[in-house]
Every structure is written in structure tokens, then in C-alpha cells.
Amino acid sequence: MKKLLAGILFFGALTIHTSAQELRCNVQVITNQIQGTNKQKFTTLQRAIYEFMNGRNWTNHVFQSHERIEANIMINLTEEISSDEFRGTIQIQSRRPIYNSSYKTVLFNYMDNNLHFRYIEHETLEFSESQHLSNLTSILAFYAYIIIGLDYDSFSLNGGTEYFQKAETIVSNAQNATERGWKSFESNRNRYWLAHNLRDSRYASIRQFNYRYHRLGLDRMTDRPAEARSEIAESLELLQRVYREKPDPFMHLLQVVFDAKSDELVNVFSETNPEEARRVVAVLREVDPSNTPKYQRIQQQ
């Protein structure tokens, strides 16, 4: 792999740094809504999560330091149910560098509102690919594989399949868990549907978009901007195909794309010609109507 990864995106001041394997993942645990408790255990938890994400070998590949995938995890604990049981949210971001530039594009920007786990201070965070040992480590491992899979997909067509399979296995192992987020009937926007859609052939065009948008589009923007924009414009039709073939309520994966890319798409087409702008805006207004005011700026520039 010849990936030029460098730099760190910070969530806040309480970020811990140690060595890493595939991931360069910053972790922040926020506990502002939890009062009158031992705050030291949350500092310990933050370090344990950081070491769990960055100290493991998630793949069989060898990563150089500059190749590590940049990611960020922000955990906001809103409720201390007991001394060792907590509830809150987890936000995950990952980025990837663009060839021959200093720009880094967001691959994944996801908020999971179903964070519920047990943790005893100083306990070892254990994870097994074959069974659900801990809700916390299953969630962390799930997102580690999603991050890696999306990164690999952006460099080679369907390159992340192995890691999406691993994420789906974690979902299967957690079907008897009492905590929410793992089951299809609980919501149409949760970990179950994220893993399912990434592996569903009916959404294969979204993964093809991921590759074309990044490798054939953004990676060529510095040297051949007009051709790169044209490739991205054509790749948007892949999202349109999915939208038309499988509409709501099972469009979770399509929304994940726009959560990461809507602002960037406006910037990409800020210097396009009127005809391409018209065509791009028409597609985006159809497949992502909630962001229509944002996309209209493309034609106004």
C-alpha cells in the first residue's frame, strides 16, 4: 500500500498519544453530564480505549507509520446507571489523504446514539471475533473494521470487503445482547443496517462510488481538475441508481455518504461549468433532498 497518511484531527484537549498499528485514532471521553463521581476512572477508560484501538493488529497487512489511518472517537457519557454501567453516544470520524496534496477528505462521520456498556476501572478490554464478550469492545471493534473497510474501498474497488465481513460477524455475535444497536427491528439507522448495507449487493453501487469518487476523482484533482470533476459527476449517478432502486426507509448507507460528503461536494463543484453544475445539482437534489439549499450554492457560484 502506497498511502500517504499524516497529521491528526483533534476533537479536544484530552487526547492521549501512544504508538499505533493500522489506526492513528484519537479518543476523547466527555463526562460533563455526569456529576459527583470519580472522574479518574473516565481518564483511565479513555486511555484503555485509545490503547485498544491503536495497539491491536486489525489486519494481516504491515502498515508504515505514515500509512496509518487517521480516525477520531468522541464518547459523550450522559448517564451513570451504576458504578460500572454507562450510557451515552459515540461519534466516529475517519479521514484519508488526497494524492499529491495536503488535503484530507472525510471518509466517515457517524453518530451512534446507542452506546451502553459496563466498565470497571483498570479492567482489560477484551475482544473476540468469535463471541460477544463486551458491548464496549464489540462496538469499538465494529467501528475499527468499518473505518478500515471504507479506507480500503477508497483505494481499490471493493477492497474493504474482508473488513465489512468482520463487522457483520460482530453484529451476528451480538444478536443476544441486551443493549440496543445490534438488531434490525430496533431502528433503520444502527450498526445492524450499516454492516448489512455494506455487504448487500443492492448497495454495491455505493461502494463503487466510494472508489471512483476518491481514487479516480479526488486523487486526480490536483493534476487534472476538469477530468476529476467529470469523474465525480458521473459517479454520482451510482448513488442515484441506488436511491431509485431501493428508497426509504432502508437508505441508511446513502445517508452515511452524504453526512461525510455534502459540504465537500459543494466545494468540488465550485469551479465547474454551468452545464455540469446543473446536472450535478439535479442529481444531488433528488438523492439528498434535505441538503438542497446547500447544493443550490453550486449553481450560484
Foldseek 3Di string as FASTA:
>chain_A
DDFQADDADDPDDLWDDDAFWQAPETEEEAEVQDPDDDCVLVNQVRVLLNCLLGVDDLDPDGDDPRNHWYKYKYWYWNDDPDPFKTAAKIWMWTWGDAAPDPDIAIQFTDIARQDIWGDDRPDHDDDDLQACDTPVSLVSLLVSLVSVLLVLLQADPSRSVVSLVSSQSSLVRCPVPPTDFNDVVPDLAGSPLQSVLVNDPLNSLVSVLSHQLRVVARNCCVPDLQRNLVSNLVSLVSLLSSCVVDPPPNCNNVVRRCVRPVLVNLVSLQPPDQVSLVSSLVSCCVNPVVCNVSSVVSNVD
